[in-house]
Each structure stands twice: as C-alpha cells, then as structure tokens.
Amino acid sequence: MLGVLDFYAAHPFWTWAALGAAILAVEVAAGSGWLLWPAASAVATGAVLIVAPLSLPMALLVFAVLTLVSTLAARRYFPRAALAGGGDINDNVARLVGQVGQAVQDFHHGRGRIAIDGKEWPAELQAGESLSAGGAVEVVGISDGTRLQVRPSQR
C-alpha cells in the first residue's frame, strides 16, 4: 500500500484526476448537474500541477477558484433556450412536466411508479384513477418534492 501512496505523492496529477473521477461518479449517480464543474476543475488542477508544482494549500486554492469560476460561468453562459420551460438546468424533476412515461407497476389508491428516460419515479394519478402496469402516462405536475402528478396519456 505504501508504494501506491508514494506514487500519488510523487505524481499529484493522478490524485487530482482520481478526485475528478470520484466527483464525476457521484454526479452520474445523482444527476444533478452541479458536480460537473468541480469534477472538471479537479482534473484541470492536476494539469496545472504538471506545469507548475504547487504546495497542497496552493493546489486547493487553484481547485476552489477553478470550481467557482467554472460553475458561475456555466450558469451565466449556458444557453437558456436549452432549458425546458425556462427552468433551472439542475431541476431534473421540473423538466419532466409534459413528458410521457410508462407505469412500471399497477397503481393502487392512485399511487405507483413510472419510468421516464430509464429512471423510475414515484407517481400519483389525478383524482385517484387506476392504471395497470405498462400504461402510458403524461406528467402534469409535481407534488411532495419528487412525486410526479400524472394522468393517462392519449399519445
């Protein structure tokens, strides 16, 4: 194990690249969009350390500055037209309104789960209607944070 630690101490780029990969893995799991910039900043910090060897505090400062600048620049210059309904790019639930999904289980008492774009979401039918697994639904709103309000789809 000591050999691995010696390698990372001698080659800080790989430490920063590993940190960037770990942050990116969390982003892929969460799908928030907020962690893309810190992941890229970690790799960029590693690249800076190849050119200019810095102390750990200075490397952390470079990482922090790159993260702030890239996050603010992305929020400022990300094309707003690409946002569904003009909402926040990081609000993955609000972007589902208007989407069509499929019930993955029978709805009981108006509640069940639906699949949209490969993800499952808790859902609630309007007016407590019933729906069988495989039925098409359209998202019409959001309640309780991430519970989708749906209605049977005619599409």
C-alpha atoms as a PDB file:
ATOM      1  CA  MET A   1       0.000   0.000   0.000  1.00  0.00           C
ATOM      2  CA  LEU A   2       2.890   2.333   0.723  1.00  0.00           C
ATOM      3  CA  GLY A   3       4.014   2.096  -2.916  1.00  0.00           C
ATOM      4  CA  VAL A   4       0.653   3.451  -4.114  1.00  0.00           C
ATOM      5  CA  LEU A   5       0.798   6.349  -1.656  1.00  0.00           C
ATOM      6  CA  ASP A   6       4.350   7.131  -2.750  1.00  0.00           C
ATOM      7  CA  PHE A   7       3.224   7.128  -6.385  1.00  0.00           C
ATOM      8  CA  TYR A   8       0.367   9.564  -5.712  1.00  0.00           C
ATOM      9  CA  ALA A   9       2.647  11.808  -3.647  1.00  0.00           C
ATOM     10  CA  ALA A  10       5.183  11.900  -6.486  1.00  0.00           C
ATOM     11  CA  HIS A  11       2.534  12.409  -9.214  1.00  0.00           C
ATOM     12  CA  PRO A  12      -0.206  14.708  -7.884  1.00  0.00           C
ATOM     13  CA  PHE A  13      -1.914  14.856 -11.296  1.00  0.00           C
ATOM     14  CA  TRP A  14      -3.231  11.332 -10.732  1.00  0.00           C
ATOM     15  CA  THR A  15      -4.537  12.250  -7.291  1.00  0.00           C
ATOM     16  CA  TRP A  16      -6.497  15.134  -8.779  1.00  0.00           C
ATOM     17  CA  ALA A  17      -7.636  13.005 -11.724  1.00  0.00           C
ATOM     18  CA  ALA A  18      -8.893  10.355  -9.284  1.00  0.00           C
ATOM     19  CA  LEU A  19     -10.699  13.029  -7.280  1.00  0.00           C
ATOM     20  CA  GLY A  20     -12.272  14.331 -10.501  1.00  0.00           C
ATOM     21  CA  ALA A  21     -13.367  10.792 -11.433  1.00  0.00           C
ATOM     22  CA  ALA A  22     -14.862  10.237  -7.976  1.00  0.00           C
ATOM     23  CA  ILE A  23     -16.789  13.519  -8.139  1.00  0.00           C
ATOM     24  CA  LEU A  24     -17.970  12.640 -11.649  1.00  0.00           C
ATOM     25  CA  ALA A  25     -19.158   9.222 -10.422  1.00  0.00           C
ATOM     26  CA  VAL A  26     -21.238  10.936  -7.735  1.00  0.00           C
ATOM     27  CA  GLU A  27     -22.625  13.281 -10.415  1.00  0.00           C
ATOM     28  CA  VAL A  28     -23.592  10.365 -12.635  1.00  0.00           C
ATOM     29  CA  ALA A  29     -25.368   8.711  -9.704  1.00  0.00           C
ATOM     30  CA  ALA A  30     -27.134  11.898  -8.618  1.00  0.00           C
ATOM     31  CA  GLY A  31     -27.737  13.505 -12.000  1.00  0.00           C
ATOM     32  CA  SER A  32     -27.885  16.996 -10.554  1.00  0.00           C
ATOM     33  CA  GLY A  33     -25.543  18.748 -12.972  1.00  0.00           C
ATOM     34  CA  TRP A  34     -23.900  20.689 -10.142  1.00  0.00           C
ATOM     35  CA  LEU A  35     -20.895  18.393  -9.742  1.00  0.00           C
ATOM     36  CA  LEU A  36     -19.739  18.501 -13.368  1.00  0.00           C
ATOM     37  CA  TRP A  37     -17.752  21.668 -12.777  1.00  0.00           C
ATOM     38  CA  PRO A  38     -15.903  20.523  -9.634  1.00  0.00           C
ATOM     39  CA  ALA A  39     -15.021  17.270 -11.435  1.00  0.00           C
ATOM     40  CA  ALA A  40     -13.583  19.173 -14.388  1.00  0.00           C
ATOM     41  CA  SER A  41     -11.841  21.599 -12.026  1.00  0.00           C
ATOM     42  CA  ALA A  42     -10.132  18.733 -10.196  1.00  0.00           C
ATOM     43  CA  VAL A  43      -8.684  17.405 -13.456  1.00  0.00           C
ATOM     44  CA  ALA A  44      -7.692  20.934 -14.506  1.00  0.00           C
ATOM     45  CA  THR A  45      -5.957  21.405 -11.148  1.00  0.00           C
ATOM     46  CA  GLY A  46      -3.997  18.230 -11.835  1.00  0.00           C
ATOM     47  CA  ALA A  47      -2.993  19.629 -15.221  1.00  0.00           C
ATOM     48  CA  VAL A  48      -1.824  22.861 -13.580  1.00  0.00           C
ATOM     49  CA  LEU A  49       0.314  20.801 -11.189  1.00  0.00           C
ATOM     50  CA  ILE A  50       2.068  19.132 -14.134  1.00  0.00           C
ATOM     51  CA  VAL A  51       3.175  22.540 -15.408  1.00  0.00           C
ATOM     52  CA  ALA A  52       3.751  24.290 -12.079  1.00  0.00           C
ATOM     53  CA  PRO A  53       4.343  22.142  -8.991  1.00  0.00           C
ATOM     54  CA  LEU A  54       2.465  23.791  -6.125  1.00  0.00           C
ATOM     55  CA  SER A  55       2.077  23.097  -2.436  1.00  0.00           C
ATOM     56  CA  LEU A  56      -1.115  21.395  -1.279  1.00  0.00           C
ATOM     57  CA  PRO A  57      -2.670  24.625   0.072  1.00  0.00           C
ATOM     58  CA  MET A  58      -1.983  26.392  -3.238  1.00  0.00           C
ATOM     59  CA  ALA A  59      -3.387  23.429  -5.202  1.00  0.00           C
ATOM     60  CA  LEU A  60      -6.536  23.528  -3.071  1.00  0.00           C
ATOM     61  CA  LEU A  61      -6.823  27.259  -3.745  1.00  0.00           C
ATOM     62  CA  VAL A  62      -6.465  26.663  -7.502  1.00  0.00           C
ATOM     63  CA  PHE A  63      -9.164  23.967  -7.284  1.00  0.00           C
ATOM     64  CA  ALA A  64     -11.513  26.246  -5.347  1.00  0.00           C
ATOM     65  CA  VAL A  65     -11.028  29.162  -7.746  1.00  0.00           C
ATOM     66  CA  LEU A  66     -11.470  26.964 -10.821  1.00  0.00           C
ATOM     67  CA  THR A  67     -14.625  25.427  -9.335  1.00  0.00           C
ATOM     68  CA  LEU A  68     -16.140  28.827  -8.543  1.00  0.00           C
ATOM     69  CA  VAL A  69     -15.256  30.350 -11.906  1.00  0.00           C
ATOM     70  CA  SER A  70     -16.419  27.351 -13.965  1.00  0.00           C
ATOM     71  CA  THR A  71     -19.688  26.980 -12.041  1.00  0.00           C
ATOM     72  CA  LEU A  72     -20.523  30.681 -12.291  1.00  0.00           C
ATOM     73  CA  ALA A  73     -19.520  30.818 -15.967  1.00  0.00           C
ATOM     74  CA  ALA A  74     -21.661  27.785 -16.761  1.00  0.00           C
ATOM     75  CA  ARG A  75     -24.678  29.283 -15.022  1.00  0.00           C
ATOM     76  CA  ARG A  76     -24.111  32.595 -16.783  1.00  0.00           C
ATOM     77  CA  TYR A  77     -23.423  31.337 -20.289  1.00  0.00           C
ATOM     78  CA  PHE A  78     -25.395  28.094 -20.503  1.00  0.00           C
ATOM     79  CA  PRO A  79     -27.980  28.664 -23.257  1.00  0.00           C
ATOM     80  CA  ARG A  80     -31.293  29.346 -21.562  1.00  0.00           C
ATOM     81  CA  ALA A  81     -33.172  28.156 -24.653  1.00  0.00           C
ATOM     82  CA  ALA A  82     -31.955  24.640 -23.861  1.00  0.00           C
ATOM     83  CA  LEU A  83     -33.857  24.674 -20.604  1.00  0.00           C
ATOM     84  CA  ALA A  84     -37.283  23.071 -20.622  1.00  0.00           C
ATOM     85  CA  GLY A  85     -39.794  25.744 -19.681  1.00  0.00           C
ATOM     86  CA  GLY A  86     -37.004  28.205 -18.851  1.00  0.00           C
ATOM     87  CA  GLY A  87     -36.347  26.478 -15.510  1.00  0.00           C
ATOM     88  CA  ASP A  88     -33.180  25.598 -13.689  1.00  0.00           C
ATOM     89  CA  ILE A  89     -30.913  23.141 -15.564  1.00  0.00           C
ATOM     90  CA  ASN A  90     -30.317  21.365 -12.277  1.00  0.00           C
ATOM     91  CA  ASP A  91     -34.002  20.794 -11.523  1.00  0.00           C
ATOM     92  CA  ASN A  92     -34.328  17.392 -13.143  1.00  0.00           C
ATOM     93  CA  VAL A  93     -37.811  16.840 -11.693  1.00  0.00           C
ATOM     94  CA  ALA A  94     -39.408  20.018 -13.114  1.00  0.00           C
ATOM     95  CA  ARG A  95     -38.096  19.104 -16.571  1.00  0.00           C
ATOM     96  CA  LEU A  96     -40.310  16.011 -16.520  1.00  0.00           C
ATOM     97  CA  VAL A  97     -43.550  18.009 -16.760  1.00  0.00           C
ATOM     98  CA  GLY A  98     -45.072  17.273 -20.166  1.00  0.00           C
ATOM     99  CA  GLN A  99     -43.045  14.090 -20.651  1.00  0.00           C
ATOM    100  CA  VAL A 100     -44.719  10.748 -21.338  1.00  0.00           C
ATOM    101  CA  GLY A 101     -43.739   7.722 -19.285  1.00  0.00           C
ATOM    102  CA  GLN A 102     -44.887   4.198 -18.582  1.00  0.00           C
ATOM    103  CA  ALA A 103     -46.290   2.676 -15.395  1.00  0.00           C
ATOM    104  CA  VAL A 104     -43.870   0.052 -14.079  1.00  0.00           C
ATOM    105  CA  GLN A 105     -46.437  -1.353 -11.651  1.00  0.00           C
ATOM    106  CA  ASP A 106     -50.159  -1.249 -11.059  1.00  0.00           C
ATOM    107  CA  PHE A 107     -51.305   1.925  -9.334  1.00  0.00           C
ATOM    108  CA  HIS A 108     -53.044   1.295  -6.008  1.00  0.00           C
ATOM    109  CA  HIS A 109     -55.127   4.051  -4.431  1.00  0.00           C
ATOM    110  CA  GLY A 110     -53.883   6.371  -7.158  1.00  0.00           C
ATOM    111  CA  ARG A 111     -50.177   5.798  -6.384  1.00  0.00           C
ATOM    112  CA  GLY A 112     -47.483   3.850  -8.172  1.00  0.00           C
ATOM    113  CA  ARG A 113     -44.177   4.146 -10.018  1.00  0.00           C
ATOM    114  CA  ILE A 114     -43.464   5.242 -13.580  1.00  0.00           C
ATOM    115  CA  ALA A 115     -40.400   5.090 -15.825  1.00  0.00           C
ATOM    116  CA  ILE A 116     -39.213   8.053 -17.894  1.00  0.00           C
ATOM    117  CA  ASP A 117     -35.900   8.031 -19.765  1.00  0.00           C
ATOM    118  CA  GLY A 118     -34.715   4.933 -17.906  1.00  0.00           C
ATOM    119  CA  LYS A 119     -35.398   6.287 -14.400  1.00  0.00           C
ATOM    120  CA  GLU A 120     -38.190   5.310 -12.053  1.00  0.00           C
ATOM    121  CA  TRP A 121     -40.215   7.944 -10.235  1.00  0.00           C
ATOM    122  CA  PRO A 122     -42.955   7.785  -7.600  1.00  0.00           C
ATOM    123  CA  ALA A 123     -46.188   8.996  -9.142  1.00  0.00           C
ATOM    124  CA  GLU A 124     -49.753   9.850  -8.239  1.00  0.00           C
ATOM    125  CA  LEU A 125     -52.710   9.781 -10.620  1.00  0.00           C
ATOM    126  CA  GLN A 126     -55.037  12.751 -10.664  1.00  0.00           C
ATOM    127  CA  ALA A 127     -58.391  12.077  -8.987  1.00  0.00           C
ATOM    128  CA  GLY A 128     -57.204   8.687  -7.687  1.00  0.00           C
ATOM    129  CA  GLU A 129     -57.792   6.910 -11.003  1.00  0.00           C
ATOM    130  CA  SER A 130     -56.471   3.378 -11.549  1.00  0.00           C
ATOM    131  CA  LEU A 131     -53.814   2.311 -14.021  1.00  0.00           C
ATOM    132  CA  SER A 132     -52.233  -1.040 -14.885  1.00  0.00           C
ATOM    133  CA  ALA A 133     -48.524  -1.704 -15.339  1.00  0.00           C
ATOM    134  CA  GLY A 134     -47.390  -0.757 -18.828  1.00  0.00           C
ATOM    135  CA  GLY A 135     -49.949   2.026 -19.221  1.00  0.00           C
ATOM    136  CA  ALA A 136     -48.766   5.310 -20.722  1.00  0.00           C
ATOM    137  CA  VAL A 137     -48.935   8.399 -18.521  1.00  0.00           C
ATOM    138  CA  GLU A 138     -48.201  12.084 -19.010  1.00  0.00           C
ATOM    139  CA  VAL A 139     -46.570  14.127 -16.251  1.00  0.00           C
ATOM    140  CA  VAL A 140     -48.731  17.155 -15.426  1.00  0.00           C
ATOM    141  CA  GLY A 141     -47.112  18.405 -12.220  1.00  0.00           C
ATOM    142  CA  ILE A 142     -45.069  17.695  -9.110  1.00  0.00           C
ATOM    143  CA  SER A 143     -46.102  17.235  -5.502  1.00  0.00           C
ATOM    144  CA  ASP A 144     -44.210  16.325  -2.332  1.00  0.00           C
ATOM    145  CA  GLY A 145     -40.863  17.280  -3.839  1.00  0.00           C
ATOM    146  CA  THR A 146     -40.304  14.369  -6.235  1.00  0.00           C
ATOM    147  CA  ARG A 147     -43.702  12.680  -6.534  1.00  0.00           C
ATOM    148  CA  LEU A 148     -44.995  13.245 -10.047  1.00  0.00           C
ATOM    149  CA  GLN A 149     -48.618  14.081 -10.738  1.00  0.00           C
ATOM    150  CA  VAL A 150     -49.668  12.100 -13.811  1.00  0.00           C
ATOM    151  CA  ARG A 151     -52.708  11.363 -15.979  1.00  0.00           C
ATOM    152  CA  PRO A 152     -53.275   8.590 -18.503  1.00  0.00           C
ATOM    153  CA  SER A 153     -51.710   9.616 -21.794  1.00  0.00           C
ATOM    154  CA  GLN A 154     -53.518   9.628 -25.117  1.00  0.00           C
ATOM    155  CA  ARG A 155     -50.234   9.700 -27.100  1.00  0.00           C
END
